[in-house]
Amino acid sequence: MTQRFEAHMSDADALMWLIEKDPVLRSTIVAVAILDSPPDIGALRARFADASCAIPRLRQRVLSPPMRLGPPRWAHEPNFDIDFHVRHLHLPAPGSERQLFDAVAPIAQASFDRARPLWECTVFDGLAPDPASSGTATRSAVVLKVHHSVTDGVGGIELLTHLVDFERDVAPRSKTPLSPPSEPLDALDLVLESAAHTARRLLGIARRVPASAWNVLDAARRDPAGTAVQAAATLQSIGKIVAPATAPLSPLLLERSLGRRLDAFDVPLDDLKRAAKMAEGSVNDAFVAGVVGGLDRYHRRYGAPAGELRVTMPINLRRDGDAAGGNQFAPARFAVPLDIADPIERMRALGALVRTWRMEPALGFTGALAGVLNRLPTSTTTALFGGMLKCVDFVTSNVPGAPVPVFLAGGRVERFYAFGPPSGAALNVTLLSHVDACCVGVVTDTAAVPDPDALVSDLRAGFDEIVAVGT
C-alpha cells in the first residue's frame, strides 16, 4: 500500500535539516540487524526497490528554496539507482562484532549526498558465530542508515514492515505500483511554489488566530483566575523548553567532535519488566535508571561524581493514523539526579520526573517553536541550537520493536540495534526491544568519551543493578 507524504518538510523536520550547518548536530539514524545467515542479496535489493515504490521518501531528494522563501521540499529523483543505496561488503577474519561496529562507525559519521535520497543499506557478510551460543554458522549484518528528517525511531519501525517477512522463505510480493513522479522543478518554479506554500501557511495561521483569540477571551471572561494561571504555566513551560545552557553538567563529558564509536549489549526484556514491576513503573523507567546508574559509576570511576546530568529524551507524539514518515516527537531536555543509590527509588524518582515532563504544556507548541526558529537566519538558528544541544550530557530513547521473530531476505533477525545521533551530546543510548531482548545501542563522541570500554562496562553494571531488583 502506497503511503501519502507531504511534499514539504514540517517545521520540525526542516529544523533538523538546517542545523546541520554545524556537522556536530547531524541527525543520522543507524540500525543494525544481526542475521543468523547471509541474506539473499537479490531478494533484498528487490524488497528495497519495492519499498521505494510504496514509500515516496526513499526515491526523493531534498530541494531547498533560495533565500529561505519556504521550507525544504521533497522532489522525485529521476536517476534513482537502487545499486547505489544497497551495498554488499565482507568483514575480514575473524569477523567479530567489534570489527562490525568499527566498520559501521564511519558510515554513521559520514554525511549524506544531498543530491540523492537520504538513506543507505550496507550488508556485511562474514560475521562470526555468536560466542554466547553453540551455533557454528557464519552470520551477517544489515546496516540501514536514514536521515532523521525522513522519519523518527517509531516511524522507522513502521517503515521496516515493508522489508521483513514472518518466515524464512522469501515470499514473493505483488509489485507495488510506483507513485507518479512529480514534475521536475526549475529554480523559478521552486521559488514560486515555496512562496505560495508560505503564503498558504500564513493564511491558515491568520484564520486560526481570531478563533483562538476568541476562545481565550471567552475562557478569561468565564474564569479569569484559572485562565491567568494556565497562561502563566504555559509560558513558564515554554521557558523551560528553550532555556539556554552554558556548559554540560558533567565534569567529564566536556569535549565535542565528529568522531563516533558504536557499542551494543543486550538485557533480557522479562528481567527488565520484573525490575520495573518492583518499582511499580514501566520498562522505560527501568531503562533510564540503568543508564543513569551506569553514568554515575563512570563518573565515580574517575573520582568526579556529579550530582545531576542533563538529558534529552524524545517524547513520542505519534498517534494512530499518522504517516510513517516525518517526525512526531518533542525533545524534552532536563536534569536527572545521579545520587540515588537505591535502584528501586531511582526508578520511581526518574519515572515520576519523566511523566512530569510528558505533561508539560510546551510540548504541544514544539512545532510552532520550530517554525519561529526556522524563520531566523540559518547561522543564528544553528548557533542557538548548538548552544543548547552541546550542553546536553546524554540522550536516551526507547523504541518498541518487533515482538515476534522476523526475517530479512531469508535471514532470521537475531538482534536489532538502533544507534541514535548524539546531536551535540556526549553520548546517545537507545533501547530497541526485539522479541525477548532489549537491544541497547550506544553511540559515544570519541572526544567526550576517550575510554568507551570503561563507559560500556559501567552501563552494563548499571543495568545489572536494576535487573537484580527483579531476580
Protein backbone atom coordinates (compact mmCIF):
# COMPACT_ATOMS: atom_id res chain seq x y z
CA MET A 1 0.00 0.00 0.00
CA THR A 2 1.43 3.38 -1.02
CA GLN A 3 1.56 5.89 1.81
CA ARG A 4 0.87 9.58 1.44
CA PHE A 5 3.59 12.02 2.42
CA GLU A 6 3.62 15.80 2.47
CA ALA A 7 5.66 17.46 -0.27
CA HIS A 8 7.23 19.98 2.11
CA MET A 9 9.13 19.31 5.30
CA SER A 10 7.39 20.10 8.55
CA ASP A 11 8.96 22.80 10.69
CA ALA A 12 10.47 20.15 12.98
CA ASP A 13 11.98 18.19 10.08
CA ALA A 14 13.25 21.36 8.42
CA LEU A 15 14.91 22.45 11.65
CA MET A 16 16.91 19.20 11.86
CA TRP A 17 17.89 19.65 8.23
CA LEU A 18 19.01 23.26 8.62
CA ILE A 19 21.09 22.99 11.80
CA GLU A 20 23.40 20.51 10.07
CA LYS A 21 25.35 23.56 9.02
CA ASP A 22 27.17 22.55 12.20
CA PRO A 23 28.23 18.93 11.43
CA VAL A 24 28.29 18.02 15.14
CA LEU A 25 24.49 18.37 15.05
CA ARG A 26 23.95 15.86 12.24
CA SER A 27 20.74 13.85 12.65
CA THR A 28 21.53 10.40 11.31
CA ILE A 29 19.83 7.20 12.48
CA VAL A 30 21.67 3.89 12.05
CA ALA A 31 20.05 0.49 12.63
CA VAL A 32 21.97 -2.79 12.64
CA ALA A 33 20.13 -6.10 12.19
CA ILE A 34 22.18 -9.19 13.08
CA LEU A 35 21.06 -12.13 10.91
CA ASP A 36 21.66 -15.81 11.64
CA SER A 37 22.64 -16.42 7.99
CA PRO A 38 23.60 -14.38 4.92
CA PRO A 39 20.61 -12.75 3.22
CA ASP A 40 19.67 -13.21 -0.40
CA ILE A 41 21.15 -10.00 -1.84
CA GLY A 42 19.00 -10.10 -4.94
CA ALA A 43 15.86 -10.51 -2.86
CA LEU A 44 17.00 -7.72 -0.53
CA ARG A 45 17.53 -5.31 -3.42
CA ALA A 46 14.15 -6.26 -4.85
CA ARG A 47 12.48 -5.69 -1.48
CA PHE A 48 14.06 -2.24 -1.13
CA ALA A 49 13.11 -1.38 -4.71
CA ASP A 50 9.52 -2.36 -4.00
CA ALA A 51 9.53 -0.45 -0.68
CA SER A 52 10.76 2.63 -2.52
CA CYS A 53 7.63 2.48 -4.66
CA ALA A 54 5.38 2.40 -1.58
CA ILE A 55 7.37 4.95 0.42
CA PRO A 56 7.98 8.07 -1.69
CA ARG A 57 10.72 9.35 0.65
CA LEU A 58 13.01 6.53 -0.46
CA ARG A 59 13.02 7.88 -4.04
CA GLN A 60 13.09 11.59 -3.19
CA ARG A 61 15.83 14.11 -2.52
CA VAL A 62 15.62 17.47 -0.78
CA LEU A 63 15.34 20.80 -2.58
CA SER A 64 15.95 23.97 -0.57
CA PRO A 65 14.31 27.11 -1.98
CA PRO A 66 16.63 30.07 -2.49
CA MET A 67 16.69 32.82 0.13
CA ARG A 68 14.76 30.58 2.57
CA LEU A 69 11.46 31.58 0.95
CA GLY A 70 9.86 28.44 2.30
CA PRO A 71 10.65 25.10 3.94
CA PRO A 72 12.73 22.49 2.12
CA ARG A 73 10.62 20.21 -0.04
CA TRP A 74 10.87 16.65 -1.28
CA ALA A 75 11.30 16.08 -5.01
CA HIS A 76 11.39 12.94 -7.16
CA GLU A 77 14.92 11.78 -8.05
CA PRO A 78 14.76 10.82 -11.76
CA ASN A 79 18.12 9.00 -11.64
CA PHE A 80 17.29 6.82 -8.64
CA ASP A 81 19.71 3.87 -8.55
CA ILE A 82 18.97 1.02 -6.13
CA ASP A 83 22.54 -0.30 -6.50
CA PHE A 84 23.92 2.95 -5.07
CA HIS A 85 21.75 2.64 -1.98
CA VAL A 86 22.15 -1.12 -1.32
CA ARG A 87 25.78 -2.23 -0.95
CA HIS A 88 27.42 -5.58 -0.17
CA LEU A 89 30.71 -5.96 1.76
CA HIS A 90 32.59 -8.69 3.62
CA LEU A 91 34.19 -8.40 7.05
CA PRO A 92 37.82 -9.55 7.32
CA ALA A 93 38.61 -12.54 9.54
CA PRO A 94 37.80 -13.29 12.29
CA GLY A 95 34.64 -11.19 11.76
CA SER A 96 33.97 -10.19 15.36
CA GLU A 97 31.13 -7.92 16.43
CA ARG A 98 33.76 -5.37 17.45
CA GLN A 99 35.01 -5.35 13.85
CA LEU A 100 31.43 -4.94 12.63
CA PHE A 101 30.68 -1.92 14.81
CA ASP A 102 34.06 -0.38 13.95
CA ALA A 103 33.15 -0.76 10.27
CA VAL A 104 29.73 0.81 10.86
CA ALA A 105 31.15 3.84 12.73
CA PRO A 106 32.44 5.64 9.58
CA ILE A 107 29.05 5.03 7.95
CA ALA A 108 27.34 6.68 10.93
CA GLN A 109 29.77 9.62 10.85
CA ALA A 110 29.57 10.38 7.13
CA SER A 111 27.10 12.95 5.85
CA PHE A 112 24.61 12.07 3.13
CA ASP A 113 24.95 13.00 -0.52
CA ARG A 114 22.32 15.75 -0.60
CA ALA A 115 21.76 15.22 -4.31
CA ARG A 116 20.30 11.75 -3.62
CA PRO A 117 17.61 10.18 -1.40
CA LEU A 118 18.68 10.20 2.23
CA TRP A 119 19.17 6.51 3.00
CA GLU A 120 21.72 3.72 2.57
CA CYS A 121 21.80 -0.02 3.25
CA THR A 122 25.06 -1.97 3.66
CA VAL A 123 25.21 -5.76 4.04
CA PHE A 124 28.23 -7.16 5.88
CA ASP A 125 28.87 -10.87 5.41
CA GLY A 126 31.48 -12.86 7.34
CA LEU A 127 30.25 -12.12 10.87
CA ALA A 128 31.49 -14.85 13.21
CA PRO A 129 29.05 -17.14 15.05
CA ASP A 130 27.58 -15.78 18.26
CA PRO A 131 30.08 -16.68 21.04
CA ALA A 132 27.20 -16.88 23.52
CA SER A 133 25.54 -19.73 21.59
CA SER A 134 26.61 -23.14 20.34
CA GLY A 135 25.98 -22.24 16.71
CA THR A 136 28.74 -22.53 14.11
CA ALA A 137 27.10 -20.80 11.13
CA THR A 138 28.57 -17.58 9.84
CA ARG A 139 26.22 -14.66 10.35
CA SER A 140 25.60 -11.38 8.51
CA ALA A 141 24.55 -7.86 9.41
CA VAL A 142 22.29 -5.46 7.55
CA VAL A 143 23.04 -1.82 8.31
CA LEU A 144 20.35 0.73 7.47
CA LYS A 145 21.22 4.43 7.62
CA VAL A 146 18.45 7.06 7.37
CA HIS A 147 18.41 10.80 7.86
CA HIS A 148 16.26 11.89 10.80
CA SER A 149 14.25 14.25 8.56
CA VAL A 150 12.89 11.17 6.76
CA THR A 151 11.43 9.61 9.91
CA ASP A 152 11.87 9.16 13.66
CA GLY A 153 12.54 5.91 15.52
CA VAL A 154 8.92 4.82 15.91
CA GLY A 155 8.12 5.74 12.30
CA GLY A 156 11.22 3.85 11.19
CA ILE A 157 9.90 0.64 12.72
CA GLU A 158 6.68 1.15 10.73
CA LEU A 159 8.70 1.59 7.54
CA LEU A 160 10.55 -1.67 8.20
CA THR A 161 7.29 -3.59 7.85
CA HIS A 162 7.77 -3.16 4.09
CA LEU A 163 11.06 -5.09 4.28
CA VAL A 164 10.64 -8.01 6.69
CA ASP A 165 8.85 -11.37 6.48
CA PHE A 166 7.44 -13.64 9.18
CA GLU A 167 9.02 -16.79 7.73
CA ARG A 168 12.45 -17.66 6.40
CA ASP A 169 11.41 -18.36 2.82
CA VAL A 170 11.36 -15.10 0.93
CA ALA A 171 7.75 -14.82 -0.05
CA PRO A 172 7.18 -13.07 -3.39
CA ARG A 173 5.04 -10.00 -3.03
CA SER A 174 2.84 -8.32 -5.54
CA LYS A 175 4.64 -5.37 -7.04
CA THR A 176 3.67 -2.02 -5.60
CA PRO A 177 2.95 0.46 -8.38
CA LEU A 178 5.37 3.37 -8.43
CA SER A 179 3.83 6.62 -7.26
CA PRO A 180 3.57 9.07 -10.15
CA PRO A 181 6.74 11.16 -10.02
CA SER A 182 6.31 14.87 -9.50
CA GLU A 183 7.24 17.17 -12.32
CA PRO A 184 10.83 18.48 -12.09
CA LEU A 185 11.07 21.98 -10.68
CA ASP A 186 13.36 24.61 -12.12
CA ALA A 187 14.63 27.47 -9.96
CA LEU A 188 11.73 29.81 -10.80
CA ASP A 189 9.14 27.09 -10.17
CA LEU A 190 10.74 26.31 -6.80
CA VAL A 191 10.70 29.98 -5.78
CA LEU A 192 7.07 30.44 -6.80
CA GLU A 193 5.91 27.19 -5.20
CA SER A 194 7.76 27.92 -1.95
CA ALA A 195 6.34 31.43 -1.79
CA ALA A 196 2.83 30.07 -2.38
CA HIS A 197 3.30 27.40 0.30
CA THR A 198 4.48 30.00 2.81
CA ALA A 199 1.55 32.26 1.92
CA ARG A 200 -0.93 29.40 2.44
CA ARG A 201 0.61 28.59 5.81
CA LEU A 202 0.47 32.23 6.93
CA LEU A 203 -3.13 32.49 5.70
CA GLY A 204 -4.04 29.41 7.72
CA ILE A 205 -2.44 30.95 10.81
CA ALA A 206 -4.30 34.19 10.18
CA ARG A 207 -7.59 32.28 10.03
CA ARG A 208 -6.88 30.36 13.23
CA VAL A 209 -5.69 33.32 15.30
CA PRO A 210 -9.09 35.11 15.60
CA ALA A 211 -10.83 31.88 16.63
CA SER A 212 -8.09 31.08 19.14
CA ALA A 213 -8.13 34.62 20.47
CA TRP A 214 -11.90 34.48 20.88
CA ASN A 215 -11.61 31.17 22.77
CA VAL A 216 -9.01 32.68 25.07
CA LEU A 217 -11.11 35.78 25.69
CA ASP A 218 -14.21 33.69 26.33
CA ALA A 219 -12.29 31.48 28.77
CA ALA A 220 -10.90 34.58 30.50
CA ARG A 221 -14.40 36.01 30.82
CA ARG A 222 -15.76 32.83 32.39
CA ASP A 223 -12.73 32.03 34.59
CA PRO A 224 -10.25 34.92 34.69
CA ALA A 225 -8.17 33.49 37.52
CA GLY A 226 -7.92 30.00 36.00
CA THR A 227 -7.07 31.37 32.56
CA ALA A 228 -4.30 33.53 34.00
CA VAL A 229 -2.84 30.59 35.89
CA GLN A 230 -2.95 28.40 32.79
CA ALA A 231 -1.32 31.09 30.62
CA ALA A 232 1.42 31.62 33.19
CA ALA A 233 2.05 27.87 33.40
CA THR A 234 2.28 27.60 29.61
CA LEU A 235 4.74 30.49 29.36
CA GLN A 236 6.81 29.02 32.16
CA SER A 237 6.81 25.63 30.40
CA ILE A 238 7.94 27.19 27.11
CA GLY A 239 10.71 28.94 29.02
CA LYS A 240 11.90 25.59 30.39
CA ILE A 241 11.94 24.08 26.89
CA VAL A 242 14.03 26.85 25.31
CA ALA A 243 16.14 27.76 28.36
CA PRO A 244 19.76 28.25 27.29
CA ALA A 245 22.60 26.27 28.85
CA THR A 246 26.17 27.46 29.04
CA ALA A 247 28.04 24.23 29.84
CA PRO A 248 27.44 20.49 30.34
CA LEU A 249 26.65 19.48 33.91
CA SER A 250 29.16 16.61 33.74
CA PRO A 251 32.73 17.41 34.84
CA LEU A 252 33.97 14.63 32.49
CA LEU A 253 31.86 14.63 29.31
CA LEU A 254 33.00 18.03 28.06
CA GLU A 255 34.61 17.85 24.61
CA ARG A 256 32.70 17.51 21.33
CA SER A 257 33.88 16.26 17.91
CA LEU A 258 32.75 14.42 14.76
CA GLY A 259 34.24 11.10 15.92
CA ARG A 260 31.79 8.32 16.80
CA ARG A 261 32.19 4.93 18.47
CA LEU A 262 29.42 2.30 18.42
CA ASP A 263 28.84 -0.35 21.10
CA ALA A 264 25.97 -2.69 21.88
CA PHE A 265 24.79 -5.11 24.53
CA ASP A 266 21.59 -6.95 25.47
CA VAL A 267 19.33 -7.06 28.51
CA PRO A 268 16.58 -9.70 28.80
CA LEU A 269 13.22 -7.99 28.34
CA ASP A 270 11.47 -10.08 31.00
CA ASP A 271 14.17 -9.21 33.55
CA LEU A 272 13.70 -5.50 32.90
CA LYS A 273 9.93 -5.88 33.14
CA ARG A 274 10.21 -7.64 36.52
CA ALA A 275 12.51 -4.93 37.84
CA ALA A 276 10.11 -2.21 36.66
CA LYS A 277 7.21 -4.02 38.33
CA MET A 278 9.08 -3.96 41.67
CA ALA A 279 9.10 -0.16 41.40
CA GLU A 280 5.53 -0.04 40.08
CA GLY A 281 6.87 1.58 36.94
CA SER A 282 7.44 0.98 33.23
CA VAL A 283 10.24 -0.61 31.21
CA ASN A 284 11.30 2.91 30.25
CA ASP A 285 11.70 3.78 33.96
CA ALA A 286 13.99 0.76 34.40
CA PHE A 287 15.89 1.62 31.20
CA VAL A 288 16.58 5.22 32.19
CA ALA A 289 17.51 4.14 35.73
CA GLY A 290 20.03 1.67 34.30
CA VAL A 291 21.63 4.35 32.11
CA VAL A 292 21.77 6.86 34.98
CA GLY A 293 23.25 4.26 37.32
CA GLY A 294 25.92 3.41 34.75
CA LEU A 295 26.84 7.06 34.23
CA ASP A 296 27.10 7.55 37.98
CA ARG A 297 29.52 4.61 38.14
CA TYR A 298 31.55 6.07 35.26
CA HIS A 299 31.94 9.44 36.98
CA ARG A 300 32.89 7.82 40.27
CA ARG A 301 35.42 5.61 38.48
CA TYR A 302 37.42 8.75 37.73
CA GLY A 303 36.81 10.48 41.04
CA ALA A 304 34.48 13.07 39.52
CA PRO A 305 30.99 12.40 40.94
CA ALA A 306 28.20 14.56 39.53
CA GLY A 307 25.04 15.48 41.38
CA GLU A 308 23.00 15.57 38.18
CA LEU A 309 23.33 15.36 34.40
CA ARG A 310 21.35 16.96 31.60
CA VAL A 311 19.47 14.61 29.28
CA THR A 312 17.49 15.00 26.07
CA MET A 313 14.65 12.50 25.80
CA PRO A 314 12.27 12.35 22.81
CA ILE A 315 8.61 12.29 23.87
CA ASN A 316 6.60 10.35 21.29
CA LEU A 317 3.63 12.36 19.94
CA ARG A 318 2.73 9.91 17.16
CA ARG A 319 -0.93 8.90 17.04
CA ASP A 320 -2.79 6.13 15.24
CA GLY A 321 -3.22 7.12 11.61
CA ASP A 322 -0.14 9.37 11.41
CA ALA A 323 2.08 8.78 8.38
CA ALA A 324 5.17 6.67 8.97
CA GLY A 325 7.39 9.37 7.53
CA GLY A 326 8.47 12.55 9.25
CA ASN A 327 8.97 13.18 12.94
CA GLN A 328 6.27 13.08 15.56
CA PHE A 329 8.15 13.71 18.79
CA ALA A 330 9.05 16.55 21.13
CA PRO A 331 12.56 16.74 22.60
CA ALA A 332 12.38 17.17 26.38
CA ARG A 333 15.62 18.49 27.91
CA PHE A 334 16.00 18.33 31.68
CA ALA A 335 18.36 17.41 34.55
CA VAL A 336 18.28 13.98 36.22
CA PRO A 337 19.79 13.15 39.64
CA LEU A 338 22.73 10.75 39.83
CA ASP A 339 22.89 10.42 43.62
CA ILE A 340 20.00 7.98 44.24
CA ALA A 341 21.77 4.80 45.32
CA ASP A 342 18.75 2.55 45.83
CA PRO A 343 17.73 1.18 42.40
CA ILE A 344 14.02 0.98 43.24
CA GLU A 345 13.94 4.57 44.48
CA ARG A 346 15.92 5.61 41.41
CA MET A 347 13.35 4.02 39.08
CA ARG A 348 10.49 5.67 40.95
CA ALA A 349 12.13 9.11 41.01
CA LEU A 350 13.15 9.05 37.34
CA GLY A 351 9.77 7.65 36.28
CA ALA A 352 7.97 10.46 38.10
CA LEU A 353 10.30 13.01 36.54
CA VAL A 354 9.74 11.71 33.02
CA ARG A 355 5.95 11.61 33.49
CA THR A 356 6.04 15.20 34.70
CA TRP A 357 7.82 16.25 31.53
CA ARG A 358 5.36 14.32 29.37
CA MET A 359 2.65 16.63 30.75
CA GLU A 360 4.50 19.88 30.03
CA PRO A 361 2.14 22.24 28.14
CA ALA A 362 5.00 23.46 25.95
CA LEU A 363 5.31 20.08 24.21
CA GLY A 364 2.19 20.96 22.24
CA PHE A 365 3.94 24.08 20.95
CA THR A 366 7.05 22.30 19.66
CA GLY A 367 6.02 22.72 16.02
CA ALA A 368 5.25 26.40 16.48
CA LEU A 369 8.60 26.98 18.21
CA ALA A 370 10.37 25.16 15.37
CA GLY A 371 8.54 27.40 12.91
CA VAL A 372 9.81 30.53 14.67
CA LEU A 373 13.39 29.23 14.71
CA ASN A 374 13.19 28.30 11.02
CA ARG A 375 12.43 31.94 10.17
CA LEU A 376 15.72 33.10 11.67
CA PRO A 377 18.92 33.17 9.62
CA THR A 378 20.43 29.69 9.37
CA SER A 379 23.60 30.71 11.20
CA THR A 380 21.56 32.17 14.06
CA THR A 381 19.34 29.10 14.36
CA THR A 382 22.35 26.77 14.26
CA ALA A 383 24.18 28.78 16.91
CA LEU A 384 21.12 28.84 19.19
CA PHE A 385 20.54 25.12 18.92
CA GLY A 386 24.23 24.30 19.10
CA GLY A 387 24.48 26.25 22.33
CA MET A 388 21.65 24.21 23.84
CA LEU A 389 22.39 20.74 22.45
CA LYS A 390 26.16 20.72 23.02
CA CYS A 391 25.47 21.35 26.70
CA VAL A 392 23.40 18.16 26.94
CA ASP A 393 25.32 15.33 28.61
CA PHE A 394 23.46 12.36 27.12
CA VAL A 395 20.44 11.34 25.04
CA THR A 396 18.16 8.38 25.73
CA SER A 397 15.50 6.90 23.51
CA ASN A 398 13.24 3.86 23.91
CA VAL A 399 11.73 2.38 20.74
CA PRO A 400 9.34 -0.62 20.74
CA GLY A 401 10.39 -3.16 18.13
CA ALA A 402 9.08 -6.46 16.80
CA PRO A 403 7.51 -8.70 19.49
CA VAL A 404 7.76 -11.80 17.25
CA PRO A 405 10.58 -13.29 15.14
CA VAL A 406 11.08 -11.65 11.74
CA PHE A 407 13.22 -12.47 8.72
CA LEU A 408 15.05 -10.24 6.27
CA ALA A 409 15.73 -11.65 2.80
CA GLY A 410 15.91 -15.19 4.20
CA GLY A 411 17.94 -14.48 7.35
CA ARG A 412 16.37 -14.52 10.81
CA VAL A 413 16.90 -11.27 12.72
CA GLU A 414 18.62 -12.35 15.95
CA ARG A 415 19.23 -8.86 17.32
CA PHE A 416 18.26 -5.38 16.17
CA TYR A 417 20.22 -2.38 17.45
CA ALA A 418 19.35 1.28 16.92
CA PHE A 419 22.07 3.92 17.14
CA GLY A 420 20.58 7.38 17.51
CA PRO A 421 22.54 10.57 16.86
CA PRO A 422 24.16 12.30 19.87
CA SER A 423 23.08 15.61 18.25
CA GLY A 424 25.65 17.57 20.22
CA ALA A 425 25.57 15.43 23.38
CA ALA A 426 28.43 13.26 24.61
CA LEU A 427 26.54 10.01 24.00
CA ASN A 428 23.24 8.51 22.90
CA VAL A 429 21.83 5.34 24.47
CA THR A 430 18.90 3.79 22.56
CA LEU A 431 16.88 0.76 23.63
CA LEU A 432 15.11 -1.19 20.89
CA SER A 433 13.08 -4.19 22.05
CA HIS A 434 13.24 -7.24 19.79
CA VAL A 435 11.25 -10.39 20.67
CA ASP A 436 12.55 -11.24 24.17
CA ALA A 437 15.58 -8.92 24.31
CA CYS A 438 16.24 -5.27 24.94
CA CYS A 439 18.94 -4.39 22.41
CA VAL A 440 20.90 -1.41 23.72
CA GLY A 441 22.88 0.67 21.22
CA VAL A 442 25.44 3.17 22.49
CA VAL A 443 26.93 5.96 20.36
CA THR A 444 29.70 7.98 22.01
CA ASP A 445 31.51 11.11 20.89
CA THR A 446 35.14 9.98 20.87
CA ALA A 447 36.34 13.33 22.22
CA ALA A 448 33.88 13.33 25.12
CA VAL A 449 34.44 9.64 25.95
CA PRO A 450 38.06 8.65 25.26
CA ASP A 451 37.61 5.33 27.13
CA PRO A 452 34.38 3.83 25.73
CA ASP A 453 35.15 0.32 27.03
CA ALA A 454 35.05 1.63 30.60
CA LEU A 455 31.82 3.51 29.92
CA VAL A 456 30.08 0.49 28.38
CA SER A 457 31.26 -1.69 31.27
CA ASP A 458 29.72 0.77 33.73
CA LEU A 459 26.48 0.95 31.72
CA ARG A 460 26.25 -2.84 31.80
CA ALA A 461 26.79 -2.75 35.56
CA GLY A 462 24.06 -0.12 35.88
CA PHE A 463 21.60 -2.43 34.12
CA ASP A 464 22.77 -5.45 36.15
CA GLU A 465 21.93 -3.49 39.29
CA ILE A 466 18.43 -2.79 38.02
CA VAL A 467 17.85 -6.37 36.83
CA ALA A 468 18.98 -7.72 40.21
CA VAL A 469 15.99 -5.99 41.82
CA GLY A 470 13.60 -8.27 39.95
CA THR A 471 15.53 -11.51 40.35
